[in-house]
Structures are given as C-alpha cells and as structure tokens.
Amino acid sequence: MNKLSSDERLPLYQRLRDSLAEQIANNRWRPGEAIPTEAALSAEYCLSTGTVRKAIDLLVSDNVLERQQGRGTFIRRARFQSSLFRFFRFQTEAGERRVPESRILSIEPVAAPSAVSQALGLVANAPVIRMIRLRLLDGQPVLAEEIWLPRIRFQALLDMDLDTQGPLLY
C-alpha cells in the first residue's frame, strides 16, 4: 500500500493527485505509457474508485494525463505550446502570449556551502555548479535566480559555450 501525504488539511483526492504527479515527475511512468487502472490505484492506496477518479480528473484537466476510450489513461506527451512555461504563463490583457527568456549571468564550479549540501543531499563541500540567471519578459528583467546544481550530473553545462546558445527559454 502506498502512503499519501499526511497533510490532513487537503482532501484525499488532492493528496492522491499530488502523489501521482510526483511519481510521474520521477518517471514511474513515461510519456505515452498507461497508468494503472482506477481499480488498481484504489487497491494500491486503499481509496474508493470515486476518490481515485477525482484525482485523475484533476490530472487530465492539468493536461498531465489523457483518457483514451477503451484503452485507459495515459501519461500525456508534452506539447511545446502547453508545456512551455507551465508555471510561468504570461499574457497581455488582450490574451496574446508572451514568452519569457533567460540569460545566464554567471556559471562557476564551487564547493557546496553546508546549506546547499544539505538541501541537495550531498556530502559537505561537494562539487557543485553555482549559476546566476536572469529572467526577462519583453527584454526587461523580471526575476534573478541563484541555482545550485550537483556538478556530477550537470558537468556538461560547464563545457558548453552558453554565449552561442542564444536566448534560453529555461
């Protein structure tokens, strides 16, 4: 039996939705792959099929899952238009979409400070990459970010000539 978040302020269907979304993000199922049936998820989580259906409905409305009549429920393949800046949707008052850009201001290999080591689950002073990135909308800065990445997984960033990459979406 899988456990749901213990945050009892949230209804069960929302906790299940969050759990399924996390598993999708962690590649338990790949795009195009079917998720278990409502009955199987009901048994796995000891929840009613109505609760499971409501959680799946939320993921369908979020365009994470898609139902196919007679076949099942599948992980939706990302579409550029719908996945692009899912968390950063910008529109003018007239509904015109605006796409933000990113500019890397600095990127450097460093030893992880203790807070970063802890947050990333790394040993003290582990090799990391510190990136300072600027987000722009219509060429104007709207957000500055400090990003810490485990060097072992992101070494390729240090080897790239980021100046030749052009404006970055992410």
N, C-alpha and C. Protein backbone atom coordinates (compact mmCIF):
# COMPACT_ATOMS: atom_id res chain seq x y z
N MET A 1 0.84 -1.18 0.00
CA MET A 1 0.00 0.00 0.00
C MET A 1 0.88 1.24 0.00
N ASN A 2 0.59 2.17 -0.88
CA ASN A 2 1.31 3.43 -0.95
C ASN A 2 0.74 4.40 0.06
N LYS A 3 1.59 5.26 0.58
CA LYS A 3 1.16 6.28 1.55
C LYS A 3 0.97 7.60 0.85
N LEU A 4 -0.02 8.35 1.32
CA LEU A 4 -0.26 9.69 0.83
C LEU A 4 0.32 10.69 1.81
N SER A 5 0.42 11.91 1.37
CA SER A 5 0.86 13.00 2.24
C SER A 5 0.02 12.99 3.51
N SER A 6 0.65 13.31 4.62
CA SER A 6 -0.08 13.32 5.90
C SER A 6 -0.74 14.66 6.17
N ASP A 7 -0.72 15.55 5.20
CA ASP A 7 -1.34 16.87 5.38
C ASP A 7 -2.86 16.72 5.32
N GLU A 8 -3.47 16.57 6.47
CA GLU A 8 -4.91 16.31 6.54
C GLU A 8 -5.76 17.52 6.18
N ARG A 9 -5.12 18.66 5.96
CA ARG A 9 -5.89 19.83 5.51
C ARG A 9 -6.36 19.64 4.08
N LEU A 10 -5.66 18.79 3.33
CA LEU A 10 -6.02 18.54 1.93
C LEU A 10 -6.94 17.33 1.85
N PRO A 11 -7.94 17.37 0.97
CA PRO A 11 -8.79 16.19 0.78
C PRO A 11 -7.98 15.05 0.17
N LEU A 12 -8.47 13.83 0.36
CA LEU A 12 -7.76 12.64 -0.12
C LEU A 12 -7.49 12.70 -1.62
N TYR A 13 -8.46 13.13 -2.41
CA TYR A 13 -8.25 13.15 -3.86
C TYR A 13 -7.11 14.09 -4.24
N GLN A 14 -6.96 15.19 -3.51
CA GLN A 14 -5.87 16.14 -3.79
C GLN A 14 -4.52 15.54 -3.40
N ARG A 15 -4.50 14.83 -2.26
CA ARG A 15 -3.25 14.18 -1.84
C ARG A 15 -2.85 13.10 -2.83
N LEU A 16 -3.85 12.36 -3.35
CA LEU A 16 -3.56 11.34 -4.36
C LEU A 16 -3.07 11.99 -5.64
N ARG A 17 -3.73 13.07 -6.06
CA ARG A 17 -3.29 13.80 -7.25
C ARG A 17 -1.83 14.23 -7.10
N ASP A 18 -1.48 14.77 -5.93
CA ASP A 18 -0.10 15.21 -5.69
C ASP A 18 0.87 14.04 -5.73
N SER A 19 0.47 12.91 -5.15
CA SER A 19 1.32 11.73 -5.14
C SER A 19 1.54 11.20 -6.56
N LEU A 20 0.47 11.12 -7.34
CA LEU A 20 0.60 10.65 -8.72
C LEU A 20 1.45 11.61 -9.55
N ALA A 21 1.24 12.91 -9.37
CA ALA A 21 2.04 13.90 -10.10
C ALA A 21 3.52 13.76 -9.76
N GLU A 22 3.81 13.52 -8.49
CA GLU A 22 5.20 13.35 -8.07
C GLU A 22 5.81 12.10 -8.71
N GLN A 23 5.03 11.01 -8.75
CA GLN A 23 5.52 9.78 -9.36
C GLN A 23 5.74 9.95 -10.87
N ILE A 24 4.87 10.72 -11.50
CA ILE A 24 5.04 11.00 -12.93
C ILE A 24 6.32 11.80 -13.13
N ALA A 25 6.53 12.81 -12.29
CA ALA A 25 7.74 13.64 -12.39
C ALA A 25 8.99 12.81 -12.14
N ASN A 26 8.88 11.77 -11.31
CA ASN A 26 10.02 10.91 -11.00
C ASN A 26 10.12 9.72 -11.95
N ASN A 27 9.36 9.77 -13.04
CA ASN A 27 9.41 8.77 -14.12
C ASN A 27 8.97 7.37 -13.73
N ARG A 28 8.02 7.27 -12.80
CA ARG A 28 7.45 5.94 -12.55
C ARG A 28 6.79 5.45 -13.83
N TRP A 29 6.14 6.36 -14.54
CA TRP A 29 5.54 6.07 -15.85
C TRP A 29 6.09 7.10 -16.83
N ARG A 30 6.30 6.69 -18.04
CA ARG A 30 6.86 7.56 -19.08
C ARG A 30 5.75 8.12 -19.98
N PRO A 31 6.01 9.20 -20.69
CA PRO A 31 5.02 9.74 -21.62
C PRO A 31 4.56 8.68 -22.61
N GLY A 32 3.26 8.60 -22.81
CA GLY A 32 2.68 7.60 -23.69
C GLY A 32 2.34 6.30 -23.01
N GLU A 33 2.82 6.11 -21.79
CA GLU A 33 2.59 4.88 -21.04
C GLU A 33 1.29 4.98 -20.24
N ALA A 34 0.58 3.87 -20.12
CA ALA A 34 -0.66 3.84 -19.35
C ALA A 34 -0.34 3.79 -17.86
N ILE A 35 -1.15 4.49 -17.07
CA ILE A 35 -1.04 4.36 -15.62
C ILE A 35 -1.92 3.20 -15.20
N PRO A 36 -1.79 2.70 -13.98
CA PRO A 36 -2.67 1.62 -13.53
C PRO A 36 -4.14 2.04 -13.60
N THR A 37 -5.01 1.06 -13.68
CA THR A 37 -6.45 1.34 -13.73
C THR A 37 -6.91 1.98 -12.43
N GLU A 38 -8.10 2.57 -12.48
CA GLU A 38 -8.67 3.16 -11.27
C GLU A 38 -8.81 2.11 -10.17
N ALA A 39 -9.22 0.90 -10.57
CA ALA A 39 -9.37 -0.17 -9.58
C ALA A 39 -8.03 -0.53 -8.95
N ALA A 40 -6.98 -0.61 -9.77
CA ALA A 40 -5.66 -0.94 -9.24
C ALA A 40 -5.15 0.16 -8.31
N LEU A 41 -5.35 1.42 -8.70
CA LEU A 41 -4.93 2.53 -7.83
C LEU A 41 -5.76 2.56 -6.55
N SER A 42 -7.05 2.22 -6.65
CA SER A 42 -7.90 2.16 -5.46
C SER A 42 -7.35 1.14 -4.47
N ALA A 43 -6.97 -0.03 -4.99
CA ALA A 43 -6.41 -1.07 -4.13
C ALA A 43 -5.05 -0.65 -3.58
N GLU A 44 -4.21 -0.05 -4.42
CA GLU A 44 -2.87 0.35 -4.00
C GLU A 44 -2.90 1.38 -2.88
N TYR A 45 -3.85 2.30 -2.94
CA TYR A 45 -3.92 3.39 -1.96
C TYR A 45 -5.03 3.20 -0.92
N CYS A 46 -5.79 2.11 -1.03
CA CYS A 46 -6.92 1.85 -0.12
C CYS A 46 -7.91 3.03 -0.13
N LEU A 47 -8.28 3.45 -1.33
CA LEU A 47 -9.22 4.56 -1.51
C LEU A 47 -10.37 4.09 -2.40
N SER A 48 -11.48 4.80 -2.35
CA SER A 48 -12.60 4.46 -3.22
C SER A 48 -12.27 4.83 -4.66
N THR A 49 -12.94 4.16 -5.60
CA THR A 49 -12.70 4.49 -7.00
C THR A 49 -13.15 5.91 -7.32
N GLY A 50 -14.14 6.41 -6.62
CA GLY A 50 -14.58 7.79 -6.82
C GLY A 50 -13.49 8.79 -6.47
N THR A 51 -12.78 8.52 -5.38
CA THR A 51 -11.67 9.39 -4.96
C THR A 51 -10.55 9.34 -5.99
N VAL A 52 -10.24 8.13 -6.46
CA VAL A 52 -9.20 7.96 -7.48
C VAL A 52 -9.61 8.67 -8.77
N ARG A 53 -10.87 8.50 -9.17
CA ARG A 53 -11.35 9.13 -10.40
C ARG A 53 -11.23 10.65 -10.31
N LYS A 54 -11.55 11.22 -9.15
CA LYS A 54 -11.47 12.67 -8.98
C LYS A 54 -10.02 13.15 -9.10
N ALA A 55 -9.08 12.40 -8.53
CA ALA A 55 -7.66 12.75 -8.63
C ALA A 55 -7.19 12.69 -10.08
N ILE A 56 -7.61 11.65 -10.79
CA ILE A 56 -7.23 11.50 -12.20
C ILE A 56 -7.86 12.61 -13.03
N ASP A 57 -9.12 12.96 -12.72
CA ASP A 57 -9.78 14.06 -13.43
C ASP A 57 -8.96 15.35 -13.33
N LEU A 58 -8.40 15.61 -12.14
CA LEU A 58 -7.58 16.81 -11.97
C LEU A 58 -6.34 16.76 -12.86
N LEU A 59 -5.71 15.60 -12.93
CA LEU A 59 -4.51 15.46 -13.76
C LEU A 59 -4.84 15.54 -15.24
N VAL A 60 -6.03 15.08 -15.62
CA VAL A 60 -6.48 15.21 -17.01
C VAL A 60 -6.71 16.68 -17.33
N SER A 61 -7.37 17.39 -16.41
CA SER A 61 -7.63 18.82 -16.66
C SER A 61 -6.35 19.65 -16.65
N ASP A 62 -5.30 19.15 -15.97
CA ASP A 62 -3.99 19.82 -15.97
C ASP A 62 -3.15 19.43 -17.19
N ASN A 63 -3.72 18.59 -18.07
CA ASN A 63 -3.01 18.10 -19.27
C ASN A 63 -1.78 17.26 -18.94
N VAL A 64 -1.81 16.60 -17.78
CA VAL A 64 -0.73 15.68 -17.41
C VAL A 64 -1.08 14.28 -17.91
N LEU A 65 -2.37 13.94 -17.83
CA LEU A 65 -2.87 12.64 -18.28
C LEU A 65 -3.90 12.85 -19.38
N GLU A 66 -4.12 11.79 -20.17
CA GLU A 66 -5.22 11.82 -21.13
C GLU A 66 -5.91 10.46 -21.12
N ARG A 67 -7.23 10.51 -21.19
CA ARG A 67 -8.02 9.28 -21.24
C ARG A 67 -8.24 8.92 -22.70
N GLN A 68 -8.12 7.62 -22.99
CA GLN A 68 -8.40 7.12 -24.33
C GLN A 68 -9.48 6.06 -24.20
N GLN A 69 -10.62 6.33 -24.82
CA GLN A 69 -11.78 5.46 -24.71
C GLN A 69 -11.43 4.01 -25.02
N GLY A 70 -11.72 3.13 -24.07
CA GLY A 70 -11.50 1.71 -24.26
C GLY A 70 -10.05 1.26 -24.10
N ARG A 71 -9.14 2.20 -23.90
CA ARG A 71 -7.72 1.84 -23.78
C ARG A 71 -7.16 2.10 -22.40
N GLY A 72 -7.56 3.19 -21.76
CA GLY A 72 -7.03 3.51 -20.44
C GLY A 72 -6.64 4.97 -20.33
N THR A 73 -5.88 5.26 -19.27
CA THR A 73 -5.41 6.62 -19.01
C THR A 73 -3.90 6.62 -19.17
N PHE A 74 -3.40 7.59 -19.94
CA PHE A 74 -2.00 7.61 -20.34
C PHE A 74 -1.33 8.91 -19.93
N ILE A 75 -0.01 8.81 -19.73
CA ILE A 75 0.79 10.00 -19.48
C ILE A 75 0.83 10.77 -20.79
N ARG A 76 0.42 12.00 -20.73
CA ARG A 76 0.35 12.82 -21.94
C ARG A 76 1.76 13.20 -22.39
N ARG A 77 1.97 13.09 -23.68
CA ARG A 77 3.24 13.54 -24.25
C ARG A 77 3.24 15.06 -24.24
N ALA A 78 4.37 15.63 -23.85
CA ALA A 78 4.45 17.09 -23.75
C ALA A 78 4.30 17.72 -25.12
N ARG A 79 3.49 18.75 -25.17
CA ARG A 79 3.37 19.55 -26.38
C ARG A 79 4.04 20.87 -26.10
N PHE A 80 4.77 21.36 -27.07
CA PHE A 80 5.54 22.59 -26.86
C PHE A 80 4.65 23.70 -26.34
N GLN A 81 3.51 23.94 -26.97
CA GLN A 81 2.65 25.05 -26.57
C GLN A 81 2.13 24.89 -25.15
N SER A 82 1.73 23.67 -24.78
CA SER A 82 1.11 23.50 -23.46
C SER A 82 2.13 23.32 -22.36
N SER A 83 3.31 22.79 -22.67
CA SER A 83 4.29 22.56 -21.62
C SER A 83 5.21 23.75 -21.41
N LEU A 84 5.34 24.61 -22.40
CA LEU A 84 6.24 25.74 -22.31
C LEU A 84 5.81 26.67 -21.20
N PHE A 85 6.67 26.81 -20.25
CA PHE A 85 6.43 27.70 -19.13
C PHE A 85 5.09 27.44 -18.46
N ARG A 86 4.84 26.21 -18.18
CA ARG A 86 3.62 25.82 -17.49
C ARG A 86 3.44 26.61 -16.20
N PHE A 87 4.53 26.91 -15.51
CA PHE A 87 4.44 27.63 -14.26
C PHE A 87 4.64 29.13 -14.45
N PHE A 88 4.97 29.54 -15.66
CA PHE A 88 5.19 30.95 -15.95
C PHE A 88 4.39 31.32 -17.19
N ARG A 89 3.10 31.48 -17.04
CA ARG A 89 2.25 31.83 -18.17
C ARG A 89 2.07 33.33 -18.20
N PHE A 90 2.50 33.92 -19.27
CA PHE A 90 2.40 35.36 -19.41
C PHE A 90 1.50 35.68 -20.60
N GLN A 91 0.55 36.57 -20.40
CA GLN A 91 -0.32 37.02 -21.47
C GLN A 91 -0.59 38.50 -21.29
N THR A 92 -0.83 39.15 -22.40
CA THR A 92 -1.25 40.54 -22.32
C THR A 92 -2.73 40.54 -21.94
N GLU A 93 -3.26 41.70 -21.65
CA GLU A 93 -4.69 41.79 -21.33
C GLU A 93 -5.54 41.34 -22.50
N ALA A 94 -5.02 41.46 -23.71
CA ALA A 94 -5.76 41.03 -24.91
C ALA A 94 -5.65 39.52 -25.13
N GLY A 95 -4.91 38.80 -24.27
CA GLY A 95 -4.77 37.36 -24.38
C GLY A 95 -3.60 36.91 -25.24
N GLU A 96 -2.78 37.83 -25.71
CA GLU A 96 -1.61 37.49 -26.52
C GLU A 96 -0.54 36.87 -25.63
N ARG A 97 -0.02 35.71 -26.06
CA ARG A 97 1.01 35.03 -25.26
C ARG A 97 2.34 35.72 -25.40
N ARG A 98 3.03 35.78 -24.27
CA ARG A 98 4.38 36.35 -24.24
C ARG A 98 5.30 35.30 -23.66
N VAL A 99 6.42 35.06 -24.32
CA VAL A 99 7.35 34.02 -23.89
C VAL A 99 8.54 34.66 -23.18
N PRO A 100 8.76 34.30 -21.92
CA PRO A 100 9.92 34.83 -21.21
C PRO A 100 11.22 34.21 -21.73
N GLU A 101 12.32 34.89 -21.49
CA GLU A 101 13.64 34.38 -21.85
C GLU A 101 14.49 34.31 -20.59
N SER A 102 15.59 33.59 -20.69
CA SER A 102 16.56 33.53 -19.60
C SER A 102 17.93 33.90 -20.12
N ARG A 103 18.69 34.56 -19.28
CA ARG A 103 20.08 34.89 -19.61
C ARG A 103 20.94 34.46 -18.43
N ILE A 104 21.95 33.66 -18.70
CA ILE A 104 22.86 33.23 -17.64
C ILE A 104 23.90 34.32 -17.44
N LEU A 105 23.94 34.85 -16.23
CA LEU A 105 24.89 35.92 -15.92
C LEU A 105 26.24 35.36 -15.50
N SER A 106 26.21 34.24 -14.75
CA SER A 106 27.47 33.60 -14.37
C SER A 106 27.21 32.13 -14.09
N ILE A 107 28.25 31.36 -14.31
CA ILE A 107 28.19 29.93 -14.01
C ILE A 107 29.60 29.52 -13.60
N GLU A 108 29.71 28.87 -12.43
CA GLU A 108 31.04 28.54 -11.93
C GLU A 108 31.00 27.29 -11.06
N PRO A 109 32.07 26.49 -11.13
CA PRO A 109 32.18 25.34 -10.24
C PRO A 109 32.68 25.82 -8.87
N VAL A 110 32.03 25.35 -7.82
CA VAL A 110 32.42 25.72 -6.46
C VAL A 110 32.19 24.54 -5.53
N ALA A 111 32.69 24.66 -4.31
CA ALA A 111 32.39 23.68 -3.26
C ALA A 111 31.07 24.11 -2.62
N ALA A 112 30.20 23.16 -2.39
CA ALA A 112 28.87 23.48 -1.87
C ALA A 112 28.93 24.00 -0.44
N PRO A 113 28.30 25.14 -0.18
CA PRO A 113 28.15 25.58 1.21
C PRO A 113 27.29 24.55 1.96
N SER A 114 27.37 24.53 3.27
CA SER A 114 26.68 23.49 4.04
C SER A 114 25.17 23.48 3.78
N ALA A 115 24.53 24.63 3.67
CA ALA A 115 23.08 24.67 3.43
C ALA A 115 22.74 24.05 2.08
N VAL A 116 23.57 24.29 1.08
CA VAL A 116 23.34 23.72 -0.25
C VAL A 116 23.57 22.21 -0.22
N SER A 117 24.64 21.77 0.45
CA SER A 117 24.91 20.33 0.58
C SER A 117 23.72 19.62 1.20
N GLN A 118 23.20 20.18 2.27
CA GLN A 118 22.04 19.58 2.94
C GLN A 118 20.83 19.56 2.03
N ALA A 119 20.53 20.68 1.39
CA ALA A 119 19.34 20.77 0.54
C ALA A 119 19.39 19.78 -0.62
N LEU A 120 20.58 19.55 -1.18
CA LEU A 120 20.72 18.65 -2.32
C LEU A 120 21.06 17.22 -1.90
N GLY A 121 21.19 16.98 -0.61
CA GLY A 121 21.52 15.64 -0.12
C GLY A 121 22.93 15.22 -0.49
N LEU A 122 23.85 16.17 -0.49
CA LEU A 122 25.25 15.90 -0.85
C LEU A 122 26.13 15.91 0.39
N VAL A 123 27.32 15.35 0.26
CA VAL A 123 28.29 15.42 1.35
C VAL A 123 28.78 16.86 1.48
N ALA A 124 29.32 17.19 2.63
CA ALA A 124 29.83 18.54 2.87
C ALA A 124 30.87 18.90 1.83
N ASN A 125 30.82 20.12 1.35
CA ASN A 125 31.77 20.66 0.36
C ASN A 125 31.79 19.90 -0.96
N ALA A 126 30.69 19.23 -1.29
CA ALA A 126 30.62 18.50 -2.56
C ALA A 126 30.78 19.47 -3.73
N PRO A 127 31.31 18.99 -4.85
CA PRO A 127 31.44 19.87 -6.01
C PRO A 127 30.06 20.17 -6.62
N VAL A 128 29.77 21.45 -6.78
CA VAL A 128 28.50 21.89 -7.35
C VAL A 128 28.77 22.98 -8.38
N ILE A 129 27.72 23.33 -9.08
CA ILE A 129 27.77 24.45 -10.02
C ILE A 129 26.83 25.52 -9.49
N ARG A 130 27.33 26.74 -9.40
CA ARG A 130 26.50 27.87 -8.97
C ARG A 130 26.21 28.71 -10.22
N MET A 131 24.92 28.89 -10.49
CA MET A 131 24.51 29.64 -11.67
C MET A 131 23.66 30.83 -11.23
N ILE A 132 23.93 31.97 -11.79
CA ILE A 132 23.09 33.14 -11.59
C ILE A 132 22.39 33.38 -12.93
N ARG A 133 21.07 33.40 -12.88
CA ARG A 133 20.29 33.51 -14.11
C ARG A 133 19.29 34.65 -14.00
N LEU A 134 19.09 35.33 -15.09
CA LEU A 134 18.15 36.44 -15.15
C LEU A 134 16.99 36.05 -16.05
N ARG A 135 15.77 36.26 -15.58
CA ARG A 135 14.58 36.03 -16.41
C ARG A 135 14.11 37.36 -16.96
N LEU A 136 13.77 37.35 -18.25
CA LEU A 136 13.35 38.59 -18.91
C LEU A 136 11.99 38.40 -19.57
N LEU A 137 11.23 39.46 -19.59
CA LEU A 137 9.96 39.48 -20.29
C LEU A 137 9.97 40.72 -21.17
N ASP A 138 9.82 40.51 -22.46
CA ASP A 138 9.95 41.60 -23.43
C ASP A 138 11.29 42.31 -23.29
N GLY A 139 12.34 41.54 -23.00
CA GLY A 139 13.68 42.09 -22.88
C GLY A 139 13.97 42.80 -21.57
N GLN A 140 12.99 42.86 -20.67
CA GLN A 140 13.16 43.55 -19.40
C GLN A 140 13.33 42.54 -18.27
N PRO A 141 14.31 42.71 -17.38
CA PRO A 141 14.49 41.79 -16.25
C PRO A 141 13.27 41.78 -15.33
N VAL A 142 12.83 40.57 -14.97
CA VAL A 142 11.71 40.44 -14.03
C VAL A 142 12.05 39.55 -12.84
N LEU A 143 13.16 38.78 -12.94
CA LEU A 143 13.49 37.84 -11.88
C LEU A 143 14.96 37.47 -11.97
N ALA A 144 15.64 37.41 -10.83
CA ALA A 144 17.02 36.92 -10.77
C ALA A 144 17.02 35.65 -9.92
N GLU A 145 17.73 34.63 -10.39
CA GLU A 145 17.76 33.34 -9.69
C GLU A 145 19.20 32.94 -9.39
N GLU A 146 19.38 32.30 -8.24
CA GLU A 146 20.64 31.66 -7.90
C GLU A 146 20.34 30.17 -7.87
N ILE A 147 21.01 29.41 -8.72
CA ILE A 147 20.72 27.98 -8.88
C ILE A 147 21.96 27.18 -8.52
N TRP A 148 21.76 26.13 -7.73
CA TRP A 148 22.85 25.24 -7.33
C TRP A 148 22.57 23.87 -7.92
N LEU A 149 23.54 23.31 -8.64
CA LEU A 149 23.38 22.02 -9.30
C LEU A 149 24.51 21.08 -8.91
N PRO A 150 24.22 19.79 -8.64
CA PRO A 150 25.29 18.84 -8.38
C PRO A 150 26.18 18.73 -9.63
N ARG A 151 27.46 18.96 -9.45
CA ARG A 151 28.38 19.01 -10.60
C ARG A 151 28.45 17.68 -11.33
N ILE A 152 28.37 16.59 -10.61
CA ILE A 152 28.49 15.28 -11.24
C ILE A 152 27.39 15.06 -12.29
N ARG A 153 26.22 15.64 -12.07
CA ARG A 153 25.11 15.46 -13.01
C ARG A 153 25.04 16.54 -14.08
N PHE A 154 25.64 17.69 -13.83
CA PHE A 154 25.48 18.83 -14.73
C PHE A 154 26.81 19.38 -15.26
N GLN A 155 27.83 18.56 -15.25
CA GLN A 155 29.16 18.96 -15.73
C GLN A 155 29.09 19.53 -17.14
N ALA A 156 28.22 19.00 -17.97
CA ALA A 156 28.13 19.45 -19.36
C ALA A 156 27.85 20.94 -19.47
N LEU A 157 27.18 21.52 -18.49
CA LEU A 157 26.92 22.96 -18.51
C LEU A 157 28.22 23.76 -18.50
N LEU A 158 29.20 23.26 -17.78
CA LEU A 158 30.49 23.96 -17.71
C LEU A 158 31.27 23.84 -19.01
N ASP A 159 30.99 22.79 -19.77
CA ASP A 159 31.70 22.54 -21.02
C ASP A 159 31.07 23.25 -22.21
N MET A 160 29.85 23.78 -22.04
CA MET A 160 29.14 24.44 -23.14
C MET A 160 29.53 25.91 -23.24
N ASP A 161 29.51 26.41 -24.46
CA ASP A 161 29.68 27.85 -24.66
C ASP A 161 28.28 28.45 -24.66
N LEU A 162 27.86 28.92 -23.51
CA LEU A 162 26.50 29.41 -23.37
C LEU A 162 26.24 30.67 -24.17
N ASP A 163 27.27 31.39 -24.55
CA ASP A 163 27.09 32.60 -25.37
C ASP A 163 26.59 32.27 -26.77
N THR A 164 26.89 31.05 -27.24
CA THR A 164 26.46 30.68 -28.59
C THR A 164 25.08 30.03 -28.60
N GLN A 165 24.48 29.85 -27.43
CA GLN A 165 23.19 29.17 -27.35
C GLN A 165 22.01 30.07 -27.69
N GLY A 166 22.20 31.37 -27.69
CA GLY A 166 21.08 32.28 -27.95
C GLY A 166 20.22 32.41 -26.71
N PRO A 167 19.08 33.10 -26.85
CA PRO A 167 18.22 33.28 -25.68
C PRO A 167 17.67 31.94 -25.21
N LEU A 168 17.72 31.71 -23.94
CA LEU A 168 17.26 30.45 -23.36
C LEU A 168 15.82 30.58 -22.88
N LEU A 169 15.03 29.55 -23.12
CA LEU A 169 13.67 29.55 -22.58
C LEU A 169 13.68 29.16 -21.12
N TYR A 170 14.54 28.20 -20.77
CA TYR A 170 14.59 27.75 -19.39
C TYR A 170 15.88 28.19 -18.83
